[in-house]
Amino acid sequence: MERKEAIELHREMWTWLAENPDKCKNEWPEWQENGGSAPYAISSCFACEECSYVCIACMLDWGIAVYDGCYCEKNERSPYHNWLREKDSTIKSHLANVISKLPIRDI
């Protein structure tokens, strides 16, 4: 997958998650297994797919330091870390929106 496509699909999926805070990444209707056209991505994440799961090479600028080799899941300051654990749909929607708009690193 080319970087441009990964960026576009990342933004589409997380925008959908912001609009559907009660859903999980694997429920995105655009995944091929859900009838859409988006190919499988490592961890259901186009950023992970683009960098072959080498977190230090993530295309997204999380604005935080790497923690335990990871920007997003293990770092308590990460919007993704908090999105995974959040129960309130309003906050979950906000976090998904933040993730959808993360800047792209120039790497």
N, C-alpha and C. Protein backbone atom coordinates (compact mmCIF):
# COMPACT_ATOMS: atom_id res chain seq x y z
N MET A 1 0.83 -1.17 0.00
CA MET A 1 0.00 0.00 0.00
C MET A 1 0.89 1.24 0.00
N GLU A 2 0.54 2.17 -0.84
CA GLU A 2 1.31 3.41 -0.90
C GLU A 2 0.93 4.34 0.25
N ARG A 3 1.88 5.15 0.63
CA ARG A 3 1.71 6.06 1.77
C ARG A 3 0.47 6.94 1.62
N LYS A 4 0.27 7.50 0.43
CA LYS A 4 -0.88 8.38 0.19
C LYS A 4 -2.19 7.65 0.46
N GLU A 5 -2.29 6.41 0.01
CA GLU A 5 -3.49 5.61 0.23
C GLU A 5 -3.66 5.29 1.72
N ALA A 6 -2.56 4.96 2.39
CA ALA A 6 -2.62 4.66 3.83
C ALA A 6 -3.13 5.87 4.61
N ILE A 7 -2.67 7.05 4.26
CA ILE A 7 -3.10 8.29 4.92
C ILE A 7 -4.60 8.50 4.70
N GLU A 8 -5.03 8.36 3.47
CA GLU A 8 -6.44 8.56 3.13
C GLU A 8 -7.34 7.57 3.88
N LEU A 9 -6.96 6.30 3.87
CA LEU A 9 -7.76 5.28 4.55
C LEU A 9 -7.75 5.47 6.06
N HIS A 10 -6.60 5.86 6.61
CA HIS A 10 -6.52 6.16 8.04
C HIS A 10 -7.55 7.24 8.40
N ARG A 11 -7.54 8.32 7.66
CA ARG A 11 -8.45 9.44 7.95
C ARG A 11 -9.92 9.01 7.79
N GLU A 12 -10.22 8.24 6.76
CA GLU A 12 -11.59 7.77 6.54
C GLU A 12 -12.07 6.89 7.69
N MET A 13 -11.24 5.93 8.10
CA MET A 13 -11.64 5.01 9.14
C MET A 13 -11.86 5.74 10.47
N TRP A 14 -10.93 6.63 10.83
CA TRP A 14 -11.06 7.30 12.11
C TRP A 14 -12.17 8.34 12.10
N THR A 15 -12.48 8.93 10.97
CA THR A 15 -13.64 9.82 10.87
C THR A 15 -14.91 9.01 11.10
N TRP A 16 -14.99 7.83 10.51
CA TRP A 16 -16.13 6.94 10.72
C TRP A 16 -16.24 6.55 12.19
N LEU A 17 -15.10 6.24 12.83
CA LEU A 17 -15.13 5.89 14.25
C LEU A 17 -15.57 7.07 15.11
N ALA A 18 -15.22 8.28 14.72
CA ALA A 18 -15.69 9.47 15.44
C ALA A 18 -17.20 9.60 15.33
N GLU A 19 -17.74 9.24 14.17
CA GLU A 19 -19.19 9.30 13.94
C GLU A 19 -19.92 8.10 14.54
N ASN A 20 -19.18 7.04 14.84
CA ASN A 20 -19.75 5.81 15.38
C ASN A 20 -18.96 5.36 16.61
N PRO A 21 -19.02 6.12 17.69
CA PRO A 21 -18.17 5.84 18.84
C PRO A 21 -18.45 4.52 19.55
N ASP A 22 -19.56 3.89 19.23
CA ASP A 22 -19.88 2.60 19.83
C ASP A 22 -19.28 1.43 19.05
N LYS A 23 -18.56 1.73 17.98
CA LYS A 23 -17.97 0.69 17.12
C LYS A 23 -16.48 0.55 17.35
N CYS A 24 -15.94 -0.59 16.91
CA CYS A 24 -14.50 -0.88 16.98
C CYS A 24 -13.90 -0.79 15.58
N LYS A 25 -12.59 -0.70 15.53
CA LYS A 25 -11.90 -0.60 14.24
C LYS A 25 -12.28 -1.74 13.29
N ASN A 26 -12.39 -2.96 13.80
CA ASN A 26 -12.68 -4.09 12.92
C ASN A 26 -14.11 -4.09 12.39
N GLU A 27 -14.95 -3.18 12.88
CA GLU A 27 -16.33 -3.07 12.40
C GLU A 27 -16.48 -2.06 11.26
N TRP A 28 -15.40 -1.38 10.90
CA TRP A 28 -15.46 -0.40 9.82
C TRP A 28 -16.01 -1.07 8.57
N PRO A 29 -17.06 -0.54 7.98
CA PRO A 29 -17.70 -1.21 6.83
C PRO A 29 -16.83 -1.26 5.57
N GLU A 30 -15.76 -0.50 5.51
CA GLU A 30 -14.92 -0.49 4.31
C GLU A 30 -13.89 -1.62 4.27
N TRP A 31 -13.73 -2.36 5.37
CA TRP A 31 -12.83 -3.53 5.31
C TRP A 31 -13.40 -4.54 4.32
N GLN A 32 -12.54 -5.19 3.56
CA GLN A 32 -12.99 -6.19 2.59
C GLN A 32 -13.86 -7.26 3.25
N GLU A 33 -13.46 -7.71 4.43
CA GLU A 33 -14.24 -8.75 5.11
C GLU A 33 -15.61 -8.27 5.56
N ASN A 34 -15.83 -6.95 5.54
CA ASN A 34 -17.14 -6.38 5.87
C ASN A 34 -17.90 -5.93 4.62
N GLY A 35 -17.37 -6.30 3.46
CA GLY A 35 -18.03 -5.96 2.20
C GLY A 35 -17.49 -4.73 1.51
N GLY A 36 -16.47 -4.09 2.09
CA GLY A 36 -15.89 -2.90 1.49
C GLY A 36 -14.71 -3.24 0.59
N SER A 37 -13.91 -2.25 0.31
CA SER A 37 -12.78 -2.46 -0.61
C SER A 37 -11.41 -2.28 0.05
N ALA A 38 -11.37 -1.91 1.32
CA ALA A 38 -10.08 -1.68 2.01
C ALA A 38 -9.43 -3.02 2.37
N PRO A 39 -8.16 -3.19 1.98
CA PRO A 39 -7.46 -4.43 2.30
C PRO A 39 -7.11 -4.51 3.78
N TYR A 40 -6.85 -5.72 4.24
CA TYR A 40 -6.43 -5.94 5.61
C TYR A 40 -5.22 -5.06 5.94
N ALA A 41 -5.19 -4.53 7.14
CA ALA A 41 -4.04 -3.75 7.63
C ALA A 41 -3.62 -4.31 8.98
N ILE A 42 -2.33 -4.36 9.22
CA ILE A 42 -1.79 -4.83 10.50
C ILE A 42 -2.48 -4.09 11.63
N SER A 43 -2.98 -4.81 12.61
CA SER A 43 -3.67 -4.24 13.77
C SER A 43 -4.87 -3.36 13.39
N SER A 44 -5.42 -3.59 12.22
CA SER A 44 -6.52 -2.75 11.71
C SER A 44 -6.10 -1.29 11.71
N CYS A 45 -4.84 -1.05 11.37
CA CYS A 45 -4.26 0.30 11.41
C CYS A 45 -3.44 0.55 10.15
N PHE A 46 -3.83 1.57 9.40
CA PHE A 46 -3.10 1.88 8.17
C PHE A 46 -1.73 2.48 8.44
N ALA A 47 -1.56 3.13 9.59
CA ALA A 47 -0.23 3.63 9.96
C ALA A 47 0.70 2.47 10.25
N CYS A 48 0.21 1.47 10.99
CA CYS A 48 1.01 0.27 11.27
C CYS A 48 1.35 -0.47 9.98
N GLU A 49 0.39 -0.55 9.10
CA GLU A 49 0.61 -1.23 7.82
C GLU A 49 1.69 -0.52 7.02
N GLU A 50 1.61 0.80 6.99
CA GLU A 50 2.54 1.60 6.19
C GLU A 50 3.97 1.49 6.70
N CYS A 51 4.14 1.34 8.02
CA CYS A 51 5.50 1.28 8.57
C CYS A 51 5.92 -0.15 8.94
N SER A 52 5.13 -1.13 8.49
CA SER A 52 5.41 -2.55 8.78
C SER A 52 5.55 -2.80 10.28
N TYR A 53 4.75 -2.10 11.06
CA TYR A 53 4.66 -2.27 12.50
C TYR A 53 5.96 -1.92 13.23
N VAL A 54 6.73 -1.02 12.62
CA VAL A 54 7.92 -0.48 13.27
C VAL A 54 7.51 0.88 13.81
N CYS A 55 7.12 0.90 15.07
CA CYS A 55 6.49 2.08 15.67
C CYS A 55 7.31 3.36 15.52
N ILE A 56 8.60 3.25 15.64
CA ILE A 56 9.46 4.43 15.54
C ILE A 56 9.37 5.07 14.14
N ALA A 57 8.91 4.30 13.15
CA ALA A 57 8.77 4.80 11.78
C ALA A 57 7.32 5.16 11.45
N CYS A 58 6.47 5.29 12.46
CA CYS A 58 5.05 5.61 12.24
C CYS A 58 4.92 6.88 11.42
N MET A 59 4.00 6.85 10.47
CA MET A 59 3.78 8.02 9.61
C MET A 59 3.05 9.14 10.35
N LEU A 60 2.46 8.83 11.49
CA LEU A 60 1.69 9.83 12.23
C LEU A 60 2.56 10.55 13.26
N ASP A 61 2.32 11.83 13.38
CA ASP A 61 3.00 12.63 14.40
C ASP A 61 2.09 12.67 15.62
N TRP A 62 2.36 11.81 16.58
CA TRP A 62 1.54 11.70 17.78
C TRP A 62 1.79 12.85 18.74
N GLY A 63 2.85 13.60 18.55
CA GLY A 63 3.15 14.73 19.42
C GLY A 63 3.60 14.32 20.81
N ILE A 64 4.01 13.08 20.95
CA ILE A 64 4.45 12.54 22.24
C ILE A 64 5.69 11.68 22.02
N ALA A 65 6.39 11.43 23.09
CA ALA A 65 7.59 10.60 23.01
C ALA A 65 7.21 9.12 22.93
N VAL A 66 8.09 8.34 22.35
CA VAL A 66 7.89 6.89 22.30
C VAL A 66 7.99 6.36 23.73
N TYR A 67 7.05 5.51 24.09
CA TYR A 67 7.05 4.88 25.40
C TYR A 67 7.08 3.38 25.22
N ASP A 68 8.06 2.73 25.77
CA ASP A 68 8.19 1.27 25.68
C ASP A 68 8.13 0.82 24.21
N GLY A 69 8.77 1.60 23.34
CA GLY A 69 8.83 1.26 21.92
C GLY A 69 7.59 1.60 21.14
N CYS A 70 6.62 2.30 21.73
CA CYS A 70 5.32 2.52 21.09
C CYS A 70 4.89 3.98 21.27
N TYR A 71 4.26 4.54 20.24
CA TYR A 71 3.67 5.87 20.35
C TYR A 71 2.23 5.81 20.85
N CYS A 72 1.48 4.85 20.35
CA CYS A 72 0.04 4.94 20.52
C CYS A 72 -0.58 4.07 21.59
N GLU A 73 -0.34 2.79 21.59
CA GLU A 73 -1.10 1.90 22.47
C GLU A 73 -0.61 1.89 23.91
N LYS A 74 0.68 1.94 24.13
CA LYS A 74 1.23 1.81 25.47
C LYS A 74 1.40 3.15 26.19
N ASN A 75 1.34 4.24 25.46
CA ASN A 75 1.59 5.55 26.03
C ASN A 75 0.29 6.15 26.57
N GLU A 76 0.23 6.39 27.86
CA GLU A 76 -0.98 6.91 28.49
C GLU A 76 -1.36 8.31 28.02
N ARG A 77 -0.44 9.01 27.38
CA ARG A 77 -0.73 10.34 26.84
C ARG A 77 -1.30 10.26 25.43
N SER A 78 -1.33 9.10 24.86
CA SER A 78 -1.78 8.92 23.48
C SER A 78 -3.31 8.92 23.38
N PRO A 79 -3.85 9.62 22.38
CA PRO A 79 -5.30 9.57 22.20
C PRO A 79 -5.79 8.15 21.87
N TYR A 80 -4.96 7.36 21.22
CA TYR A 80 -5.36 5.98 20.91
C TYR A 80 -5.43 5.13 22.19
N HIS A 81 -4.44 5.25 23.03
CA HIS A 81 -4.44 4.54 24.31
C HIS A 81 -5.73 4.85 25.07
N ASN A 82 -6.08 6.11 25.10
CA ASN A 82 -7.28 6.53 25.82
C ASN A 82 -8.56 6.15 25.10
N TRP A 83 -8.57 6.18 23.76
CA TRP A 83 -9.73 5.74 22.98
C TRP A 83 -10.04 4.28 23.28
N LEU A 84 -9.02 3.44 23.37
CA LEU A 84 -9.22 2.02 23.65
C LEU A 84 -9.92 1.79 24.99
N ARG A 85 -9.66 2.64 25.95
CA ARG A 85 -10.13 2.43 27.31
C ARG A 85 -11.38 3.25 27.67
N GLU A 86 -11.70 4.21 26.83
CA GLU A 86 -12.81 5.13 27.13
C GLU A 86 -14.18 4.45 26.99
N LYS A 87 -15.08 4.77 27.90
CA LYS A 87 -16.45 4.24 27.87
C LYS A 87 -17.47 5.29 27.41
N ASP A 88 -17.19 6.55 27.71
CA ASP A 88 -18.11 7.63 27.35
C ASP A 88 -18.05 7.89 25.84
N SER A 89 -19.19 7.80 25.18
CA SER A 89 -19.20 7.91 23.71
C SER A 89 -18.82 9.30 23.22
N THR A 90 -19.14 10.33 23.98
CA THR A 90 -18.76 11.69 23.56
C THR A 90 -17.25 11.85 23.57
N ILE A 91 -16.62 11.38 24.62
CA ILE A 91 -15.16 11.47 24.72
C ILE A 91 -14.51 10.55 23.68
N LYS A 92 -15.06 9.37 23.52
CA LYS A 92 -14.52 8.42 22.54
C LYS A 92 -14.58 9.02 21.13
N SER A 93 -15.68 9.67 20.81
CA SER A 93 -15.83 10.33 19.51
C SER A 93 -14.79 11.43 19.34
N HIS A 94 -14.59 12.22 20.38
CA HIS A 94 -13.58 13.29 20.33
C HIS A 94 -12.18 12.71 20.08
N LEU A 95 -11.83 11.66 20.79
CA LEU A 95 -10.51 11.05 20.63
C LEU A 95 -10.33 10.50 19.22
N ALA A 96 -11.36 9.85 18.67
CA ALA A 96 -11.28 9.34 17.30
C ALA A 96 -11.09 10.48 16.31
N ASN A 97 -11.75 11.59 16.55
CA ASN A 97 -11.60 12.75 15.69
C ASN A 97 -10.17 13.29 15.75
N VAL A 98 -9.60 13.34 16.94
CA VAL A 98 -8.21 13.78 17.10
C VAL A 98 -7.28 12.86 16.31
N ILE A 99 -7.49 11.55 16.42
CA ILE A 99 -6.65 10.57 15.71
C ILE A 99 -6.81 10.75 14.21
N SER A 100 -8.02 11.01 13.75
CA SER A 100 -8.25 11.16 12.31
C SER A 100 -7.48 12.34 11.72
N LYS A 101 -7.19 13.33 12.56
CA LYS A 101 -6.55 14.55 12.09
C LYS A 101 -5.09 14.69 12.49
N LEU A 102 -4.49 13.61 13.02
CA LEU A 102 -3.07 13.69 13.39
C LEU A 102 -2.23 14.11 12.18
N PRO A 103 -1.27 14.97 12.39
CA PRO A 103 -0.39 15.36 11.29
C PRO A 103 0.46 14.18 10.82
N ILE A 104 0.86 14.26 9.58
CA ILE A 104 1.71 13.23 8.99
C ILE A 104 3.17 13.67 9.14
N ARG A 105 3.98 12.75 9.61
CA ARG A 105 5.42 13.03 9.76
C ARG A 105 6.10 13.03 8.40
N ASP A 106 7.05 13.88 8.25
CA ASP A 106 7.85 13.92 7.03
C ASP A 106 9.07 13.04 7.25
N ILE A 107 8.93 11.75 6.90
CA ILE A 107 10.02 10.80 7.11
C ILE A 107 10.50 10.21 5.80
